[in-house]
Amino acid sequence: MGSFCVYFNSWGIVNSFGVFQTFYETDLLVSKSSSDISWIGSLQACLLLIIGVISGPLYDAGYFRHLLFAGVFLIVFGMMMTSLCTQYWQVVLAQGVCVGFGQGFIFIPSVAIVSQYFTTRKALAQGIASSGSSLAGIIYPIIFDRLRPRIGFGWATRVFAFTSLATLIIPLCFMKVRIPPRSKRALVDWSAFREMPFNLFTVGSAIGFIGIYVPFFYAPYYATSTLGVSDGFSAYTISILNAASIAGRLVANFIADKIGPLNVVTPFTLVASVVAFCWIALRDEANLIIFCIFYGFFTGCFVSLPPTVVMTLSPHLGVVGTRMGIVFATCGLGLLIGTPVAGAILGSTNDFLGVEIFCGSVVAISGCMLALARIAKVGMGYQWA
């Protein structure tokens, strides 16, 4: 439950950024381009992952509670400060940097700790925990979209922050390290870079994160600007994506316990790339709903399964936190550049075709890299991986 709440307020907030993107483009930061505004969300997501280089080893060294308290404070404080922002640089610092640092402090430690409590069905446990981010991606956009016209941006964002505080009290009270650290560990596990499956998986995941979140950031704006749907419905595209990803994560992680996480995340990613290319053919609201359902379902495991893959590729639990830090820090670089590049493509062409091709292409390349990682680990034949 504690890890569920951490996902709720880490990836869940990232998954909800699309409603902020649309509001900033049409109201608060209307003078800024799509690419400029997407830097806010991509910076937040990047820090969520890249701070794992620090938080992972600190978790392995026994500083879990310190990281948890610091992260909770920064998330709530950052959202409160966002509610007071009126200029671009203020939003970048509050919502991008402050919230991103807070999420980075708590995410990887809270994921790694799950492995201490489950000796079997680890993938399913991670899937249930990670569904917290999808649930937040359903709830937070609706809260913001419904409250903002009534009470204004400031108070709608404060309600957002108070909701984060209320749900983060649960991990503060109940999450504890079950197995104390045996010794201080290095900031980087250099032995990991000598393992080809780990390297291929890391690169493949980073490439995937360049494109995976493009629809999550731009679907609401696409709905209003290209399909001409109402602002009220556009916010629900994020909720639909996240609702579908709950099912995707639970199904994928359940299967992963049976046949192995790499054997699941690879085909799911390849199918997601096909769905991303189908974005090109959307013509109306019904098409968009179907796209959001399928894309959300097949991309859900891209966040929920990597921790289990890292556990599979690690020689023992003592280096899991450090290795997760390496993987997610690399992925953070992909997240940092992905949505701004999509925004730059949109700004230069004023058309979503280039964005759609970009999204599908990088997700397809990611799927191929993950397939190579799977082959490097167990070969071409069928085997648990």
Protein backbone atom coordinates (compact mmCIF):
# COMPACT_ATOMS: atom_id res chain seq x y z
CA MET A 1 0.00 0.00 0.00
CA GLY A 2 2.87 2.34 0.80
CA SER A 3 4.54 1.74 -2.56
CA PHE A 4 1.13 2.15 -4.26
CA CYS A 5 0.85 5.64 -2.71
CA VAL A 6 4.39 6.53 -3.77
CA TYR A 7 3.59 5.57 -7.37
CA PHE A 8 0.38 7.60 -6.98
CA ASN A 9 2.41 10.74 -6.27
CA SER A 10 5.44 10.13 -8.50
CA TRP A 11 4.48 8.65 -11.86
CA GLY A 12 0.86 9.55 -11.14
CA ILE A 13 1.69 13.26 -11.18
CA VAL A 14 3.80 12.82 -14.33
CA ASN A 15 0.93 10.92 -15.98
CA SER A 16 -1.36 13.87 -15.20
CA PHE A 17 0.82 16.58 -16.71
CA GLY A 18 -1.20 16.63 -19.93
CA VAL A 19 -3.96 18.71 -18.29
CA PHE A 20 -1.35 21.23 -17.11
CA GLN A 21 0.20 21.26 -20.60
CA THR A 22 -3.14 22.17 -22.16
CA PHE A 23 -3.95 24.82 -19.53
CA TYR A 24 -0.52 26.43 -19.78
CA GLU A 25 -0.70 26.52 -23.61
CA THR A 26 -4.15 28.11 -23.65
CA ASP A 27 -4.09 30.31 -20.54
CA LEU A 28 -1.31 30.83 -17.98
CA LEU A 29 1.68 30.54 -20.33
CA VAL A 30 -0.04 31.22 -23.64
CA SER A 31 2.99 33.12 -24.97
CA LYS A 32 5.19 30.01 -24.70
CA SER A 33 5.47 27.27 -27.32
CA SER A 34 4.39 23.65 -26.87
CA SER A 35 8.04 22.64 -26.65
CA ASP A 36 8.81 25.25 -23.97
CA ILE A 37 5.90 24.11 -21.81
CA SER A 38 6.64 20.41 -22.21
CA TRP A 39 10.09 21.04 -20.70
CA ILE A 40 8.31 21.51 -17.36
CA GLY A 41 6.82 18.03 -17.36
CA SER A 42 9.82 16.37 -18.98
CA LEU A 43 12.19 17.96 -16.45
CA GLN A 44 10.00 16.70 -13.60
CA ALA A 45 9.93 13.19 -15.09
CA CYS A 46 13.66 13.27 -15.80
CA LEU A 47 14.49 14.19 -12.21
CA LEU A 48 12.11 11.49 -10.95
CA LEU A 49 14.37 8.98 -12.67
CA ILE A 50 17.82 10.55 -12.72
CA ILE A 51 17.90 11.30 -8.98
CA GLY A 52 17.84 7.51 -8.64
CA VAL A 53 21.62 7.63 -9.16
CA ILE A 54 21.71 9.18 -5.67
CA SER A 55 18.63 7.74 -4.00
CA GLY A 56 19.32 4.14 -5.08
CA PRO A 57 22.72 3.86 -3.37
CA LEU A 58 21.44 5.84 -0.36
CA TYR A 59 18.61 3.31 -0.05
CA ASP A 60 21.14 0.46 -0.22
CA ALA A 61 23.15 2.27 2.48
CA GLY A 62 20.19 2.43 4.90
CA TYR A 63 18.81 5.95 4.42
CA PHE A 64 15.33 4.95 3.26
CA ARG A 65 13.38 6.93 5.88
CA HIS A 66 15.47 10.06 5.32
CA LEU A 67 14.76 9.91 1.59
CA LEU A 68 11.06 9.33 2.20
CA PHE A 69 10.60 12.36 4.48
CA ALA A 70 12.63 14.65 2.19
CA GLY A 71 10.73 13.51 -0.89
CA VAL A 72 7.28 13.98 0.63
CA PHE A 73 8.16 17.50 1.76
CA LEU A 74 9.49 18.54 -1.66
CA ILE A 75 6.50 17.15 -3.58
CA VAL A 76 3.92 18.93 -1.43
CA PHE A 77 5.99 22.13 -1.17
CA GLY A 78 6.59 22.17 -4.94
CA MET A 79 2.89 21.84 -5.78
CA MET A 80 1.99 24.54 -3.24
CA MET A 81 4.53 26.87 -4.86
CA THR A 82 3.16 25.99 -8.30
CA SER A 83 -0.22 27.30 -7.19
CA LEU A 84 1.37 30.75 -6.71
CA CYS A 85 3.24 30.85 -10.03
CA THR A 86 2.48 33.40 -12.72
CA GLN A 87 5.61 33.19 -14.89
CA TYR A 88 7.31 30.42 -16.86
CA TRP A 89 10.54 30.28 -14.87
CA GLN A 90 8.59 30.03 -11.62
CA VAL A 91 6.63 27.01 -12.89
CA VAL A 92 9.85 25.37 -14.08
CA LEU A 93 11.44 25.71 -10.64
CA ALA A 94 8.37 24.73 -8.62
CA GLN A 95 6.65 22.05 -10.68
CA GLY A 96 9.64 20.89 -12.70
CA VAL A 97 12.59 21.01 -10.30
CA CYS A 98 11.17 20.92 -6.76
CA VAL A 99 8.49 18.28 -7.38
CA GLY A 100 10.88 16.31 -9.60
CA PHE A 101 13.54 16.15 -6.88
CA GLY A 102 10.96 15.01 -4.35
CA GLN A 103 9.72 12.26 -6.63
CA GLY A 104 13.28 11.17 -7.34
CA PHE A 105 14.05 10.79 -3.64
CA ILE A 106 11.13 8.45 -2.97
CA PHE A 107 10.51 6.51 -6.20
CA ILE A 108 13.38 4.02 -6.55
CA PRO A 109 13.70 3.26 -2.80
CA SER A 110 9.97 2.59 -2.59
CA VAL A 111 10.13 0.30 -5.61
CA ALA A 112 13.21 -1.56 -4.38
CA ILE A 113 11.71 -2.18 -0.94
CA VAL A 114 8.89 -4.26 -2.47
CA SER A 115 11.41 -7.00 -3.30
CA GLN A 116 12.13 -7.41 0.43
CA TYR A 117 8.54 -8.39 1.18
CA PHE A 118 7.85 -10.78 -1.72
CA THR A 119 9.83 -13.91 -2.55
CA THR A 120 7.30 -15.04 -5.17
CA ARG A 121 5.01 -13.13 -7.53
CA LYS A 122 7.33 -10.13 -7.41
CA ALA A 123 6.17 -8.90 -10.81
CA LEU A 124 2.51 -9.01 -9.80
CA ALA A 125 3.34 -7.16 -6.57
CA GLN A 126 5.11 -4.46 -8.58
CA GLY A 127 2.18 -4.34 -10.99
CA ILE A 128 -0.32 -3.75 -8.19
CA ALA A 129 1.93 -1.09 -6.64
CA SER A 130 2.52 0.66 -9.97
CA SER A 131 -1.21 0.80 -10.67
CA GLY A 132 -1.22 3.62 -8.13
CA SER A 133 0.27 5.88 -10.80
CA SER A 134 -2.51 4.97 -13.21
CA LEU A 135 -5.19 5.60 -10.59
CA ALA A 136 -3.66 9.02 -9.93
CA GLY A 137 -3.64 9.62 -13.66
CA ILE A 138 -7.40 9.08 -13.63
CA ILE A 139 -8.16 11.12 -10.51
CA TYR A 140 -5.76 14.09 -10.71
CA PRO A 141 -6.75 15.31 -14.21
CA ILE A 142 -10.45 15.19 -13.31
CA ILE A 143 -9.84 17.04 -10.03
CA PHE A 144 -7.85 19.76 -11.79
CA ASP A 145 -10.18 20.07 -14.78
CA ARG A 146 -13.36 20.25 -12.67
CA LEU A 147 -12.06 22.55 -9.93
CA ARG A 148 -10.03 25.04 -11.97
CA PRO A 149 -13.01 26.80 -13.64
CA ARG A 150 -14.79 27.05 -10.27
CA ILE A 151 -12.06 27.99 -7.80
CA GLY A 152 -9.21 29.03 -10.09
CA PHE A 153 -5.80 27.60 -10.95
CA GLY A 154 -4.26 28.42 -7.55
CA TRP A 155 -6.76 26.61 -5.36
CA ALA A 156 -7.20 23.72 -7.80
CA THR A 157 -3.44 23.13 -7.59
CA ARG A 158 -3.53 23.41 -3.78
CA VAL A 159 -6.24 20.74 -3.65
CA PHE A 160 -3.87 18.68 -5.81
CA ALA A 161 -1.12 19.25 -3.22
CA PHE A 162 -3.34 18.43 -0.24
CA THR A 163 -4.38 15.19 -1.95
CA SER A 164 -0.71 14.31 -2.36
CA LEU A 165 -0.04 15.03 1.31
CA ALA A 166 -2.98 12.91 2.47
CA THR A 167 -1.93 9.90 0.40
CA LEU A 168 1.77 10.24 1.25
CA ILE A 169 1.05 10.02 4.98
CA ILE A 170 0.47 6.28 4.47
CA PRO A 171 4.04 5.43 3.37
CA LEU A 172 5.43 7.80 6.00
CA CYS A 173 3.65 5.81 8.69
CA PHE A 174 4.02 2.26 7.45
CA MET A 175 6.95 1.79 5.05
CA LYS A 176 10.03 0.34 6.72
CA VAL A 177 13.11 -1.53 5.52
CA ARG A 178 12.73 -5.21 6.33
CA ILE A 179 16.31 -6.30 5.63
CA PRO A 180 18.95 -3.89 7.03
CA PRO A 181 21.87 -3.06 4.72
CA ARG A 182 24.91 -5.24 5.23
CA SER A 183 27.44 -2.60 4.25
CA LYS A 184 27.89 0.75 2.54
CA ARG A 185 27.75 0.42 -1.22
CA ALA A 186 29.28 2.29 -4.13
CA LEU A 187 27.37 5.00 -5.93
CA VAL A 188 27.68 3.01 -9.19
CA ASP A 189 27.80 -0.77 -9.64
CA TRP A 190 30.48 -0.86 -12.33
CA SER A 191 30.12 -4.61 -12.80
CA ALA A 192 26.69 -3.99 -14.34
CA PHE A 193 28.30 -2.37 -17.40
CA ARG A 194 30.11 -5.62 -18.20
CA GLU A 195 26.80 -7.45 -18.63
CA MET A 196 25.41 -7.19 -22.18
CA PRO A 197 21.75 -7.99 -21.28
CA PHE A 198 21.77 -5.20 -18.68
CA ASN A 199 23.33 -2.71 -21.12
CA LEU A 200 20.89 -3.52 -23.93
CA PHE A 201 17.93 -3.31 -21.57
CA THR A 202 19.11 0.04 -20.22
CA VAL A 203 19.58 1.56 -23.68
CA GLY A 204 16.31 0.10 -24.95
CA SER A 205 14.37 1.46 -22.00
CA ALA A 206 15.94 4.92 -22.40
CA ILE A 207 14.98 5.02 -26.09
CA GLY A 208 11.45 3.93 -25.18
CA PHE A 209 11.03 6.73 -22.67
CA ILE A 210 11.81 9.23 -25.43
CA GLY A 211 8.51 8.39 -27.08
CA ILE A 212 6.27 6.55 -24.60
CA TYR A 213 4.99 9.68 -22.85
CA VAL A 214 4.29 11.80 -25.93
CA PRO A 215 0.54 10.90 -26.02
CA PHE A 216 0.27 11.38 -22.25
CA PHE A 217 1.49 14.97 -22.65
CA TYR A 218 -0.20 15.89 -25.93
CA ALA A 219 -3.43 13.87 -26.18
CA PRO A 220 -5.61 16.61 -24.58
CA TYR A 221 -4.17 19.32 -26.82
CA TYR A 222 -4.49 17.04 -29.86
CA ALA A 223 -8.14 16.41 -28.97
CA THR A 224 -9.01 20.12 -28.88
CA SER A 225 -6.74 21.48 -31.62
CA THR A 226 -7.04 18.72 -34.23
CA LEU A 227 -10.29 16.87 -33.54
CA GLY A 228 -12.16 19.89 -32.19
CA VAL A 229 -13.58 18.16 -29.11
CA SER A 230 -14.56 20.13 -26.01
CA ASP A 231 -12.08 21.11 -23.31
CA GLY A 232 -14.08 19.06 -20.82
CA PHE A 233 -13.62 15.86 -22.79
CA SER A 234 -9.96 16.48 -23.62
CA ALA A 235 -8.99 16.07 -19.96
CA TYR A 236 -10.59 12.64 -19.97
CA THR A 237 -8.13 11.40 -22.60
CA ILE A 238 -5.49 11.30 -19.85
CA SER A 239 -7.88 9.46 -17.55
CA ILE A 240 -8.68 6.91 -20.28
CA LEU A 241 -4.99 6.31 -20.99
CA ASN A 242 -4.32 5.72 -17.31
CA ALA A 243 -7.40 3.58 -16.71
CA ALA A 244 -6.33 1.29 -19.55
CA SER A 245 -2.79 1.15 -18.19
CA ILE A 246 -4.08 -0.27 -14.88
CA ALA A 247 -5.40 -3.30 -16.75
CA GLY A 248 -2.23 -3.48 -18.83
CA ARG A 249 0.03 -3.47 -15.81
CA LEU A 250 -1.92 -6.07 -13.87
CA VAL A 251 -2.19 -8.42 -16.86
CA ALA A 252 1.43 -7.96 -17.98
CA ASN A 253 2.89 -8.34 -14.50
CA PHE A 254 0.75 -11.41 -13.78
CA ILE A 255 2.03 -13.06 -16.97
CA ALA A 256 5.59 -11.94 -16.17
CA ASP A 257 5.62 -14.10 -13.03
CA LYS A 258 4.85 -17.08 -15.28
CA ILE A 259 7.18 -16.54 -18.24
CA GLY A 260 9.56 -13.77 -17.15
CA PRO A 261 9.43 -9.95 -17.33
CA LEU A 262 11.63 -9.58 -20.44
CA ASN A 263 9.40 -12.06 -22.27
CA VAL A 264 6.45 -9.77 -21.57
CA VAL A 265 7.73 -6.20 -21.83
CA THR A 266 9.32 -6.86 -25.24
CA PRO A 267 6.17 -7.89 -27.20
CA PHE A 268 4.04 -5.36 -25.31
CA THR A 269 6.41 -2.57 -26.39
CA LEU A 270 6.41 -3.73 -30.01
CA VAL A 271 2.60 -3.81 -30.08
CA ALA A 272 2.55 -0.35 -28.45
CA SER A 273 4.65 0.97 -31.35
CA VAL A 274 2.07 -0.35 -33.82
CA VAL A 275 -0.70 1.35 -31.83
CA ALA A 276 1.33 4.58 -31.82
CA PHE A 277 1.49 4.53 -35.62
CA CYS A 278 -2.30 4.06 -35.66
CA TRP A 279 -2.48 7.54 -34.08
CA ILE A 280 -1.95 8.85 -37.63
CA ALA A 281 -5.32 7.47 -38.75
CA LEU A 282 -7.52 9.01 -36.02
CA ARG A 283 -10.42 11.04 -37.38
CA ASP A 284 -12.90 11.57 -34.56
CA GLU A 285 -13.60 11.31 -30.84
CA ALA A 286 -14.47 7.60 -30.98
CA ASN A 287 -11.16 6.80 -32.72
CA LEU A 288 -9.29 8.74 -30.03
CA ILE A 289 -10.98 6.80 -27.22
CA ILE A 290 -10.07 3.46 -28.82
CA PHE A 291 -6.49 4.65 -29.36
CA CYS A 292 -6.16 5.75 -25.72
CA ILE A 293 -7.47 2.39 -24.47
CA PHE A 294 -5.06 0.29 -26.53
CA TYR A 295 -2.05 2.59 -26.10
CA GLY A 296 -2.59 2.84 -22.34
CA PHE A 297 -2.95 -0.95 -22.05
CA PHE A 298 0.22 -1.87 -23.94
CA THR A 299 2.44 0.87 -22.49
CA GLY A 300 1.39 0.27 -18.89
CA CYS A 301 4.05 -2.37 -18.28
CA PHE A 302 6.82 -0.03 -19.49
CA VAL A 303 6.81 1.54 -16.03
CA SER A 304 5.73 -1.45 -13.93
CA LEU A 305 8.03 -4.19 -15.29
CA PRO A 306 11.52 -2.56 -15.47
CA PRO A 307 12.06 -2.87 -11.68
CA THR A 308 11.35 -6.60 -11.93
CA VAL A 309 13.63 -6.90 -14.97
CA VAL A 310 16.42 -5.19 -13.02
CA MET A 311 15.92 -7.66 -10.15
CA THR A 312 16.18 -10.50 -12.68
CA LEU A 313 19.39 -9.04 -14.10
CA SER A 314 20.96 -8.44 -10.65
CA PRO A 315 23.15 -11.05 -8.90
CA HIS A 316 21.65 -10.28 -5.47
CA LEU A 317 19.23 -7.87 -3.76
CA GLY A 318 22.06 -5.79 -2.32
CA VAL A 319 22.69 -4.06 -5.66
CA VAL A 320 19.07 -3.73 -6.81
CA GLY A 321 18.72 -0.12 -5.64
CA THR A 322 21.99 0.92 -7.26
CA ARG A 323 21.19 -0.82 -10.55
CA MET A 324 17.71 0.66 -10.64
CA GLY A 325 19.38 4.04 -10.21
CA ILE A 326 21.59 3.38 -13.24
CA VAL A 327 18.69 2.22 -15.43
CA PHE A 328 16.28 4.96 -14.46
CA ALA A 329 18.89 7.73 -14.62
CA THR A 330 19.58 6.73 -18.22
CA CYS A 331 15.85 6.58 -18.91
CA GLY A 332 15.52 10.04 -17.37
CA LEU A 333 17.64 11.48 -20.17
CA GLY A 334 15.21 9.97 -22.67
CA LEU A 335 12.25 11.47 -20.85
CA LEU A 336 13.98 14.84 -20.69
CA ILE A 337 14.34 15.20 -24.44
CA GLY A 338 11.35 13.20 -25.73
CA THR A 339 8.35 15.46 -25.23
CA PRO A 340 10.21 18.73 -25.96
CA VAL A 341 11.40 17.23 -29.26
CA ALA A 342 7.78 16.28 -30.00
CA GLY A 343 6.76 19.84 -29.11
CA ALA A 344 9.43 21.26 -31.41
CA ILE A 345 8.18 19.06 -34.26
CA LEU A 346 4.64 20.25 -33.59
CA GLY A 347 5.73 23.88 -33.45
CA SER A 348 7.66 23.71 -36.73
CA THR A 349 4.94 21.95 -38.74
CA ASN A 350 1.79 22.97 -36.82
CA ASP A 351 0.62 19.43 -37.52
CA PHE A 352 0.63 16.24 -35.43
CA LEU A 353 1.77 13.89 -38.23
CA GLY A 354 5.45 14.35 -37.43
CA VAL A 355 4.76 13.87 -33.72
CA GLU A 356 2.89 10.63 -34.42
CA ILE A 357 5.67 9.23 -36.62
CA PHE A 358 8.30 10.26 -34.07
CA CYS A 359 6.41 8.53 -31.24
CA GLY A 360 5.85 5.28 -33.13
CA SER A 361 9.41 5.11 -34.46
CA VAL A 362 11.25 5.48 -31.17
CA VAL A 363 8.92 3.04 -29.39
CA ALA A 364 9.54 0.51 -32.19
CA ILE A 365 13.32 0.92 -31.85
CA SER A 366 12.95 0.43 -28.11
CA GLY A 367 11.05 -2.82 -28.63
CA CYS A 368 13.82 -4.11 -30.91
CA MET A 369 16.49 -3.25 -28.33
CA LEU A 370 14.54 -5.06 -25.61
CA ALA A 371 14.30 -8.08 -27.90
CA LEU A 372 18.10 -8.04 -28.28
CA ALA A 373 18.45 -7.85 -24.48
CA ARG A 374 16.23 -10.90 -24.13
CA ILE A 375 18.28 -12.80 -26.75
CA ALA A 376 21.54 -11.80 -25.05
CA LYS A 377 20.27 -13.24 -21.77
CA VAL A 378 18.70 -16.56 -22.80
CA GLY A 379 19.23 -16.96 -26.56
CA MET A 380 16.67 -17.47 -29.30
CA GLY A 381 14.79 -20.39 -27.75
CA TYR A 382 11.99 -20.14 -25.22
CA GLN A 383 13.19 -19.74 -21.64
CA TRP A 384 12.09 -17.77 -18.56
CA ALA A 385 13.68 -14.32 -18.77
